[in-house]
Protein backbone atom coordinates (compact mmCIF):
# COMPACT_ATOMS: atom_id res chain seq x y z
CA MET A 1 -7.31 -0.13 8.77
CA PHE A 2 -6.97 -2.65 11.64
CA ASP A 3 -6.61 0.12 14.26
CA ASN A 4 -9.40 -1.28 16.46
CA LEU A 5 -8.18 -4.85 16.04
CA SER A 6 -4.62 -3.82 16.94
CA GLU A 7 -5.84 -2.14 20.15
CA ARG A 8 -8.01 -5.11 21.11
CA LEU A 9 -5.18 -7.60 20.57
CA GLU A 10 -2.79 -5.45 22.58
CA ARG A 11 -5.29 -5.46 25.47
CA SER A 12 -5.63 -9.25 25.16
CA PHE A 13 -1.89 -9.79 25.54
CA LYS A 14 -1.86 -7.66 28.72
CA ILE A 15 -3.69 -10.52 30.46
CA LEU A 16 -0.40 -12.47 30.30
CA LYS A 17 1.77 -9.59 31.53
CA GLY A 18 3.23 -10.30 34.92
CA GLU A 19 2.57 -14.03 34.54
CA GLY A 20 5.58 -16.27 35.13
CA LYS A 21 4.50 -18.97 32.71
CA ILE A 22 1.88 -19.94 30.17
CA THR A 23 -0.90 -22.07 31.63
CA GLU A 24 -4.14 -23.44 30.21
CA ILE A 25 -6.09 -20.95 32.35
CA ASN A 26 -4.31 -17.73 31.34
CA VAL A 27 -4.05 -18.83 27.69
CA ALA A 28 -7.79 -19.59 27.58
CA GLU A 29 -8.55 -16.15 29.05
CA THR A 30 -6.25 -14.40 26.57
CA LEU A 31 -7.57 -16.27 23.54
CA LYS A 32 -11.18 -15.71 24.52
CA ASP A 33 -10.42 -11.99 24.23
CA VAL A 34 -8.48 -12.52 20.97
CA ARG A 35 -11.41 -14.43 19.41
CA LYS A 36 -13.83 -11.67 20.42
CA ALA A 37 -11.49 -9.07 18.90
CA LEU A 38 -11.38 -11.03 15.63
CA LEU A 39 -15.15 -11.41 15.49
CA ASP A 40 -15.60 -7.69 16.18
CA ALA A 41 -13.24 -7.07 13.25
CA ASP A 42 -15.74 -8.99 11.06
CA VAL A 43 -13.58 -12.11 10.72
CA ASN A 44 -15.49 -15.25 9.71
CA TYR A 45 -16.57 -17.20 12.85
CA LYS A 46 -15.05 -20.52 11.74
CA VAL A 47 -11.82 -18.79 10.77
CA ALA A 48 -11.61 -17.04 14.16
CA LYS A 49 -12.30 -20.28 16.05
CA ASN A 50 -9.75 -22.32 14.07
CA PHE A 51 -7.21 -19.54 14.51
CA THR A 52 -7.51 -19.38 18.31
CA ASP A 53 -7.58 -23.18 18.61
CA THR A 54 -4.31 -23.40 16.66
CA VAL A 55 -2.70 -20.63 18.75
CA LYS A 56 -3.79 -22.35 21.98
CA GLU A 57 -2.33 -25.68 20.87
CA LYS A 58 1.01 -24.10 19.96
CA ALA A 59 1.16 -21.89 23.08
CA LEU A 60 0.57 -24.77 25.51
CA GLY A 61 3.28 -26.80 23.83
CA GLN A 62 5.90 -24.10 24.34
CA ASN A 63 8.49 -23.90 27.10
CA VAL A 64 8.92 -20.24 28.02
CA LEU A 65 12.59 -19.31 28.07
CA THR A 66 13.89 -17.20 30.94
CA ALA A 67 14.69 -14.36 28.53
CA VAL A 68 11.20 -14.39 26.97
CA LYS A 69 8.06 -13.30 28.79
CA PRO A 70 4.82 -15.27 28.25
CA SER A 71 3.14 -12.23 26.65
CA GLN A 72 6.05 -11.84 24.20
CA LEU A 73 5.86 -15.51 23.27
CA MET A 74 2.11 -15.22 22.70
CA VAL A 75 2.63 -12.20 20.41
CA LYS A 76 5.11 -14.23 18.33
CA ILE A 77 2.76 -17.21 18.04
CA VAL A 78 -0.17 -14.96 17.08
CA HIS A 79 2.05 -13.12 14.56
CA ASP A 80 3.12 -16.39 12.91
CA GLU A 81 -0.47 -17.65 12.75
CA LEU A 82 -1.78 -14.34 11.37
CA THR A 83 0.86 -14.60 8.65
CA GLN A 84 -0.25 -18.14 7.79
CA LEU A 85 -3.92 -17.14 7.93
CA MET A 86 -3.30 -14.50 5.25
CA GLY A 87 -1.34 -16.87 3.01
CA GLY A 88 2.13 -17.26 4.51
CA GLU A 89 4.19 -16.42 1.44
CA THR A 90 3.89 -13.41 -0.85
CA ALA A 91 2.04 -14.46 -4.04
CA GLU A 92 3.47 -13.23 -7.33
CA ILE A 93 1.42 -12.31 -10.39
CA ASN A 94 1.81 -14.57 -13.44
CA ILE A 95 2.78 -12.42 -16.44
CA ASP A 96 5.52 -14.60 -17.95
CA SER A 97 4.03 -14.97 -21.46
CA ARG A 98 3.96 -12.17 -24.04
CA PRO A 99 1.40 -10.84 -24.31
CA ALA A 100 0.32 -11.78 -20.79
CA VAL A 101 -3.44 -11.39 -20.30
CA ILE A 102 -4.98 -10.32 -16.97
CA LEU A 103 -8.74 -10.54 -16.54
CA MET A 104 -10.31 -8.32 -13.87
CA SER A 105 -13.50 -9.49 -12.13
CA GLY A 106 -15.71 -8.22 -9.30
CA LEU A 107 -18.89 -6.39 -8.42
CA GLN A 108 -19.75 -2.87 -9.58
CA GLY A 109 -18.19 -0.28 -7.27
CA SER A 110 -15.40 -2.56 -6.07
CA GLY A 111 -12.77 -0.45 -7.86
CA LYS A 112 -11.96 -2.71 -10.85
CA THR A 113 -11.49 0.09 -13.37
CA THR A 114 -9.31 2.24 -11.10
CA PHE A 115 -7.27 -0.79 -10.06
CA SER A 116 -6.75 -1.75 -13.73
CA GLY A 117 -5.09 1.65 -14.23
CA LYS A 118 -3.00 1.29 -11.06
CA LEU A 119 -1.81 -2.18 -12.07
CA ALA A 120 -0.92 -1.04 -15.59
CA ARG A 121 1.09 1.85 -14.14
CA MET A 122 2.90 -0.39 -11.64
CA LEU A 123 3.83 -3.10 -14.17
CA LYS A 124 4.89 -0.49 -16.70
CA SER A 125 7.28 1.23 -14.28
CA LYS A 126 8.51 -1.71 -12.20
CA LYS A 127 8.51 -4.56 -14.74
CA ASN A 128 9.15 -2.48 -17.86
CA ARG A 129 6.04 -3.91 -19.56
CA LYS A 130 4.02 -2.32 -22.38
CA PRO A 131 0.40 -2.56 -21.22
CA LEU A 132 -2.82 -2.23 -23.19
CA LEU A 133 -5.96 -1.43 -21.18
CA VAL A 134 -9.16 -2.97 -22.57
CA ALA A 135 -12.67 -1.62 -21.92
CA CYS A 136 -15.08 -4.57 -21.77
CA ASP A 137 -17.68 -2.95 -19.53
CA VAL A 138 -20.25 -2.11 -22.19
CA TYR A 139 -23.10 -1.40 -19.74
CA ARG A 140 -22.00 1.28 -17.28
CA PRO A 141 -22.18 4.58 -19.23
CA ALA A 142 -19.04 6.15 -17.75
CA ALA A 143 -16.89 3.00 -17.62
CA ILE A 144 -15.18 3.41 -21.01
CA GLU A 145 -14.57 7.13 -20.44
CA GLN A 146 -13.19 6.45 -16.94
CA LEU A 147 -10.70 3.91 -18.33
CA ARG A 148 -9.74 6.29 -21.15
CA VAL A 149 -8.97 9.08 -18.65
CA LEU A 150 -6.90 6.71 -16.49
CA ALA A 151 -5.01 5.48 -19.56
CA GLU A 152 -4.14 9.07 -20.52
CA GLN A 153 -2.93 9.86 -16.99
CA ILE A 154 -0.51 6.92 -16.95
CA GLU A 155 0.37 7.28 -20.67
CA VAL A 156 -0.82 3.81 -21.63
CA PRO A 157 -2.91 2.93 -24.73
CA MET A 158 -6.55 1.90 -24.30
CA TYR A 159 -8.63 -0.34 -26.58
CA CYS A 160 -12.39 -0.01 -26.88
CA GLU A 161 -15.17 -0.53 -29.45
CA LEU A 162 -17.82 2.12 -28.89
CA ASP A 163 -20.32 0.54 -31.30
CA SER A 164 -20.00 -3.01 -29.93
CA LYS A 165 -21.99 -4.55 -27.09
CA ASN A 166 -20.14 -7.88 -27.25
CA PRO A 167 -17.41 -7.95 -24.55
CA VAL A 168 -16.13 -11.38 -25.69
CA GLU A 169 -15.35 -10.09 -29.19
CA ILE A 170 -13.88 -6.85 -27.81
CA ALA A 171 -11.46 -8.83 -25.60
CA GLN A 172 -10.45 -11.10 -28.51
CA HIS A 173 -9.89 -8.14 -30.85
CA ALA A 174 -7.83 -6.36 -28.16
CA ILE A 175 -5.45 -9.31 -27.88
CA GLN A 176 -5.04 -9.32 -31.67
CA GLU A 177 -4.31 -5.58 -31.47
CA ALA A 178 -1.70 -6.17 -28.74
CA LYS A 179 0.09 -8.83 -30.80
CA ALA A 180 0.05 -6.62 -33.91
CA LYS A 181 1.42 -3.53 -32.13
CA GLY A 182 3.88 -5.15 -29.72
CA TYR A 183 2.05 -4.66 -26.41
CA ASP A 184 3.20 -7.41 -24.04
CA LEU A 185 0.52 -7.02 -21.35
CA VAL A 186 -3.26 -6.90 -21.78
CA ILE A 187 -5.46 -5.88 -18.83
CA VAL A 188 -9.15 -6.55 -19.47
CA ASP A 189 -11.60 -4.48 -17.39
CA THR A 190 -15.01 -6.22 -17.23
CA ALA A 191 -18.53 -5.24 -16.21
CA GLY A 192 -19.83 -5.63 -12.68
CA ARG A 193 -23.26 -5.65 -11.11
CA LEU A 194 -24.59 -4.44 -7.78
CA ALA A 195 -25.00 -8.11 -6.79
CA VAL A 196 -23.97 -11.48 -8.21
CA ASP A 197 -26.29 -12.51 -11.05
CA GLU A 198 -26.36 -15.25 -13.67
CA GLN A 199 -25.97 -12.93 -16.67
CA MET A 200 -22.75 -11.40 -15.31
CA MET A 201 -21.31 -14.78 -14.36
CA ASN A 202 -22.09 -16.27 -17.77
CA GLU A 203 -20.55 -13.27 -19.52
CA ILE A 204 -17.26 -13.23 -17.63
CA ALA A 205 -17.01 -17.04 -17.89
CA ALA A 206 -17.39 -16.65 -21.68
CA ILE A 207 -14.64 -14.00 -21.76
CA LYS A 208 -12.37 -16.31 -19.76
CA GLU A 209 -12.97 -19.20 -22.16
CA ALA A 210 -12.40 -17.00 -25.23
CA ILE A 211 -9.12 -15.35 -24.18
CA ASN A 212 -7.62 -17.93 -21.77
CA PRO A 213 -6.03 -15.34 -19.42
CA ASN A 214 -2.74 -15.94 -17.60
CA GLU A 215 -4.20 -14.37 -14.49
CA ILE A 216 -7.75 -13.76 -13.21
CA LEU A 217 -7.93 -11.26 -10.36
CA PHE A 218 -11.00 -10.82 -8.20
CA VAL A 219 -11.28 -7.20 -7.02
CA VAL A 220 -13.21 -6.68 -3.80
CA ASP A 221 -14.04 -3.64 -1.69
CA SER A 222 -12.67 -4.42 1.79
CA MET A 223 -15.26 -2.08 3.32
CA THR A 224 -17.93 -4.74 2.66
CA GLY A 225 -16.50 -7.11 5.29
CA GLN A 226 -17.98 -10.63 5.34
CA ASP A 227 -20.07 -9.89 2.24
CA ALA A 228 -16.77 -9.58 0.39
CA VAL A 229 -15.80 -13.09 1.47
CA ASN A 230 -19.16 -14.54 0.40
CA THR A 231 -18.97 -12.81 -3.00
CA ALA A 232 -15.40 -14.05 -3.48
CA LYS A 233 -16.59 -17.63 -2.91
CA GLU A 234 -19.32 -17.30 -5.55
CA PHE A 235 -16.91 -15.84 -8.12
CA ASN A 236 -14.28 -18.46 -7.37
CA ASP A 237 -16.78 -21.31 -7.81
CA ARG A 238 -17.44 -20.07 -11.37
CA LEU A 239 -14.10 -18.59 -12.44
CA ASP A 240 -11.47 -20.36 -10.32
CA PHE A 241 -9.57 -17.05 -10.11
CA ASN A 242 -5.85 -16.83 -9.31
CA GLY A 243 -5.82 -14.13 -6.68
CA VAL A 244 -7.65 -11.41 -4.77
CA VAL A 245 -7.24 -7.63 -4.82
CA LEU A 246 -8.45 -5.76 -1.72
CA THR A 247 -9.30 -2.12 -2.44
CA LYS A 248 -10.02 0.80 -0.06
CA LEU A 249 -7.78 -0.48 2.73
CA ASP A 250 -7.22 3.14 3.67
CA GLY A 251 -10.89 3.48 4.62
CA ASP A 252 -12.66 2.81 7.89
CA THR A 253 -12.63 -0.96 7.45
CA ARG A 254 -12.43 -3.51 10.24
CA GLY A 255 -10.13 -5.81 8.28
CA GLY A 256 -12.20 -9.00 8.46
CA ALA A 257 -12.06 -9.58 4.70
CA ALA A 258 -8.25 -9.57 4.63
CA LEU A 259 -8.11 -12.08 7.49
CA SER A 260 -10.89 -14.39 6.25
CA ILE A 261 -10.73 -14.46 2.49
CA ARG A 262 -7.68 -16.72 2.10
CA SER A 263 -9.12 -19.38 4.38
CA VAL A 264 -12.56 -19.37 2.76
CA VAL A 265 -11.59 -19.45 -0.95
CA ASN A 266 -8.02 -20.78 -0.59
CA LYS A 267 -6.70 -18.14 -2.99
CA PRO A 268 -3.98 -15.61 -2.14
CA ILE A 269 -4.41 -11.87 -1.72
CA LYS A 270 -2.01 -10.48 -4.34
CA PHE A 271 -2.51 -6.70 -4.20
CA VAL A 272 -4.07 -4.04 -2.00
CA GLY A 273 -5.31 -0.58 -2.91
CA THR A 274 -4.57 2.06 -0.29
CA GLY A 275 -6.06 5.23 -1.75
CA GLU A 276 -7.44 7.01 -4.81
CA LYS A 277 -4.12 8.05 -6.34
CA LEU A 278 -2.72 5.90 -9.13
CA ASP A 279 0.39 5.04 -7.13
CA ALA A 280 -1.69 3.83 -4.15
CA ILE A 281 -1.15 0.13 -4.84
CA ASP A 282 0.98 -2.37 -2.94
CA GLN A 283 1.84 -6.00 -3.37
CA PHE A 284 0.35 -7.91 -0.44
CA HIS A 285 2.88 -9.35 2.03
CA PRO A 286 1.20 -11.48 4.76
CA ALA A 287 4.08 -11.17 7.26
CA ARG A 288 4.25 -7.38 6.88
CA MET A 289 0.49 -7.08 7.31
CA ALA A 290 0.74 -9.20 10.48
CA ASP A 291 3.41 -6.75 11.72
CA ARG A 292 1.05 -3.84 11.17
CA ILE A 293 -1.91 -5.58 12.82
CA LEU A 294 0.19 -6.19 15.93
CA GLY A 295 1.47 -2.60 16.01
CA MET A 296 5.00 -3.48 14.89
CA GLY A 297 4.98 -1.14 11.89
CA ASP A 298 6.29 -2.09 8.45
CA ILE A 299 9.82 -0.82 8.04
CA VAL A 300 10.55 -3.07 5.04
CA SER A 301 7.75 -1.54 2.96
CA LEU A 302 8.80 1.95 4.06
CA VAL A 303 12.39 1.30 2.92
CA GLU A 304 11.15 -0.15 -0.39
CA ARG A 305 9.08 2.95 -1.08
CA ALA A 306 12.10 5.13 -0.29
CA GLN A 307 14.32 3.03 -2.60
CA GLU A 308 11.85 3.49 -5.46
CA GLN A 309 12.46 7.24 -5.25
CA TYR A 310 16.21 6.91 -4.59
CA ASP A 311 18.51 8.37 -7.21
CA GLU A 312 22.15 7.37 -6.65
CA GLU A 313 23.63 10.19 -8.74
CA GLU A 314 21.44 12.76 -6.98
CA ALA A 315 22.48 11.32 -3.59
CA LYS A 316 26.18 11.69 -4.46
CA ARG A 317 25.63 15.27 -5.64
CA LEU A 318 23.79 16.14 -2.42
CA GLN A 319 26.46 14.54 -0.26
CA LYS A 320 29.12 16.75 -1.82
CA LYS A 321 26.99 19.88 -1.30
CA ILE A 322 26.26 18.96 2.33
CA ALA A 323 29.96 18.35 3.03
CA LYS A 324 30.73 21.86 1.72
CA ASN A 325 27.75 23.33 3.62
CA GLN A 326 26.14 24.28 0.29
CA PHE A 327 22.79 22.47 0.78
CA ASP A 328 20.19 25.06 -0.26
CA PHE A 329 16.43 25.51 -0.65
CA ASN A 330 16.48 24.08 -4.19
CA ASP A 331 17.83 20.82 -2.73
CA PHE A 332 15.26 21.04 0.07
CA LEU A 333 12.45 21.29 -2.50
CA SER A 334 13.71 18.22 -4.37
CA GLN A 335 13.75 16.22 -1.11
CA ILE A 336 10.15 17.25 -0.33
CA ALA A 337 9.13 16.13 -3.84
CA GLN A 338 10.68 12.69 -3.23
CA ILE A 339 8.86 12.28 0.10
CA LYS A 340 5.54 13.23 -1.51
CA LYS A 341 6.05 10.62 -4.22
CA MET A 342 6.32 7.91 -1.56
CA GLY A 343 2.59 8.17 -0.78
CA ASN A 344 0.15 9.24 1.92
CA LEU A 345 2.03 10.83 4.84
CA LYS A 346 -0.07 9.19 7.58
CA ASP A 347 0.32 5.81 5.90
CA LEU A 348 4.10 6.30 5.74
CA ALA A 349 4.29 7.35 9.40
CA SER A 350 2.21 4.33 10.48
CA MET A 351 4.88 2.04 9.00
CA ILE A 352 7.32 3.16 11.71
CA PRO A 353 7.07 0.83 14.75
CA GLY A 354 5.11 2.43 17.59
CA VAL A 355 4.07 5.48 15.56
CA GLY A 356 0.82 4.09 14.13
CA LYS A 357 -0.92 3.95 17.49
CA ALA A 358 0.37 7.39 18.51
CA ILE A 359 -1.00 9.14 15.41
CA LYS A 360 -4.22 7.19 14.84
CA ASP A 361 -6.40 10.11 16.03
CA ILE A 362 -4.21 12.78 14.43
CA ASP A 363 -5.19 14.10 11.02
CA ILE A 364 -2.03 14.36 8.92
CA ASP A 365 -2.87 16.45 5.88
CA ASP A 366 -1.23 15.41 2.61
CA ASN A 367 -0.86 19.16 2.00
CA ALA A 368 1.36 19.53 5.07
CA PHE A 369 4.24 20.74 2.86
CA LYS A 370 2.12 23.35 1.06
CA SER A 371 3.03 26.35 3.23
CA ILE A 372 6.73 25.37 3.18
CA GLU A 373 6.67 25.10 -0.62
CA ALA A 374 4.81 28.41 -0.88
CA ILE A 375 7.51 30.16 1.21
CA ILE A 376 10.36 28.66 -0.86
CA TYR A 377 8.65 29.46 -4.19
CA SER A 378 8.25 33.09 -3.02
CA MET A 379 12.04 33.39 -2.80
CA THR A 380 14.14 34.62 -5.72
CA PRO A 381 16.58 32.12 -7.33
CA ALA A 382 19.43 33.92 -5.56
CA GLU A 383 17.70 33.62 -2.17
CA ARG A 384 17.05 29.89 -2.64
CA SER A 385 20.70 29.30 -3.50
CA ASN A 386 22.04 31.60 -0.74
CA PRO A 387 19.74 31.54 2.32
CA GLU A 388 22.30 33.66 4.20
CA ILE A 389 21.15 36.80 2.33
CA LEU A 390 17.59 36.57 3.73
CA ASN A 391 17.46 39.75 5.84
CA GLY A 392 14.40 41.29 7.51
CA SER A 393 12.99 43.09 4.44
CA ARG A 394 13.39 40.01 2.24
CA ARG A 395 11.62 37.85 4.84
CA THR A 396 8.72 40.32 5.03
CA ARG A 397 8.37 40.23 1.22
CA ILE A 398 8.46 36.40 1.21
CA ALA A 399 5.77 36.22 3.92
CA LYS A 400 3.46 38.49 1.91
CA GLY A 401 4.16 36.62 -1.32
CA SER A 402 3.47 33.19 0.19
CA GLY A 403 0.38 34.18 2.19
CA THR A 404 2.11 33.26 5.46
CA THR A 405 3.37 35.21 8.47
CA ILE A 406 6.86 36.50 9.21
CA GLN A 407 6.90 34.08 12.17
CA GLU A 408 6.32 31.11 9.83
CA VAL A 409 9.10 32.26 7.51
CA ASN A 410 11.50 32.71 10.46
CA ARG A 411 10.55 29.27 11.81
CA LEU A 412 11.27 27.60 8.47
CA LEU A 413 14.63 29.37 8.14
CA LYS A 414 15.61 28.31 11.67
CA GLN A 415 14.60 24.70 11.04
CA PHE A 416 16.43 24.71 7.70
CA ASP A 417 19.60 26.05 9.34
CA GLN A 418 19.42 23.38 12.07
CA THR A 419 18.81 20.65 9.47
CA ARG A 420 21.77 21.82 7.40
CA LYS A 421 24.10 21.80 10.44
CA MET A 422 22.92 18.33 11.47
CA MET A 423 23.39 16.95 7.94
CA LYS A 424 26.91 18.38 7.79
CA MET A 425 27.76 16.79 11.16
CA VAL A 426 26.48 13.37 10.01
CA THR A 427 28.39 13.62 6.73
CA SER A 428 31.60 14.70 8.50
CA SER A 429 31.24 11.84 10.97
CA LYS A 430 30.91 9.30 8.14
CA MET A 431 33.94 10.75 6.36
CA GLY A 432 35.92 10.57 9.61
CA LYS A 433 35.15 6.89 10.03
CA MET A 434 36.26 6.22 6.48
CA MET A 435 39.68 7.92 6.89
CA PRO A 436 41.44 5.16 8.91
CA LYS A 437 40.34 2.60 6.31
CA ILE A 438 41.78 4.74 3.51
CA LYS A 439 45.11 5.07 5.35
CA ARG A 440 45.38 1.32 5.71
C-alpha cells in the first residue's frame, strides 16, 4: 500500500533539492506535484486541495534554519499535515463496560466477519477479555458457518440461532447469554449488501437501538477507493458510528480511502487489516502511517510486534547458552518460530527505514524459512544439540531427508556457525562493559 504515492511524493520533494530557501515559486511547483500525487492515489479532490493549501501556508511562514534544507523542512511539514489528515492522535476502542458491545457494520465483502474474528482474538490476548461472537447475518448462506469456523480457530464461543431470521432478537438474546455466562465482550457481526439499501440501513439501525452498543465500527474495503469514502458517509449519516476499520491494506490499493475518510466523515480510523491471517490486524496510528507513506519506515510498530513475542525467561536462558557457546539448532528453530509469529515478512521488512522502497518489487515468500526448517527437522536430536558432529555422511543424509542439496545444507551450517560466533562476541562485549560497574 502507498508505494506509488511514496514514490511520487519523493519526486515532488526533489524539486526543492539544491534550493537555498523556500519561495512562493518553488513551493507552488512542489505542491502542484504533491496534489497530483494525492489525486492519483484516489484522495478526495477537496481533501487534496485543502491539504496542499495548508502545507503551502505553513511552508511560506517558515524560516529555514542553516542546518535544515528546504526539502527536509517540506518533508516535516507534509508529515505533520498527513498525520493530522488521518486523525492526529491514535483513537482507542471503547470497551470499558462489562459486557462491552461492539456492533460491526459495512457492505457485503468488506471483511466484517473475518475482522470480527481478528478483533475478538486481539482483545482476548491483549486485553484479557472473554469475547462472545454473535452471528446476526441471517441472509448470506455461509456467514454463520464462516463465523463458527473463525470462533473455533481462536477458541472463542459463538452465538447463533439457526431457526431465527430476526437479527434484532438474536443480538438481544446474545447479550443476555453473555451476562448469564460471564462473557465481558460481545461482538455482533451483521449482514451486508452489495450496495447501500434502505432495508439494510433500517435493520442495522434497529439492532443499534435494541442493544445500545458501546462501539459501532464501520468496516470498509480499502481497495474500493473513493467509493469507500462515499459509503462511509451514508452509513455515518444513519448510524453515527464511532470509528472506521480499513481492511485489505496489504492489497494493491492506492491509499486514497485512508487519507480521505477522516476528513469526509470526521470519524477516526481505529484498526487496519493487513492480511488474511487472524493476527493480521493493527491499531491505526496516524503518525506511524505518515512515516510509512513518506518512506521513513515504522520502527515503533516493528518493536511492538517483537515485544509481543518476547519471553524474558527464554531470553535469559538463551543468553546463558550463547555465552557458553551452546546455542544450537533447537534454539535456532525457536527463534524462527518467533519471527514467523510477528507477521508477513515483507510487511516486517518494509517497517525498517529505507528498506520498503528497496524491496517493493521483490517477492518475499512467507515460506522463506521452509527449506531451513526442513533441513533442521531432518537432523537427529543429537545433531541439533551438537552441530559439531555433522560430518560429510550426516550432511548427505540430511540433504536427502529434507529434499535439499548438500550445498544448501553446507550453506546453512556455515551461516549458523557465523551467527553463533557473532552472538557470542556481542554477548561477551556486553558482559565486558558491565564488569567495571560491578567492581565499583
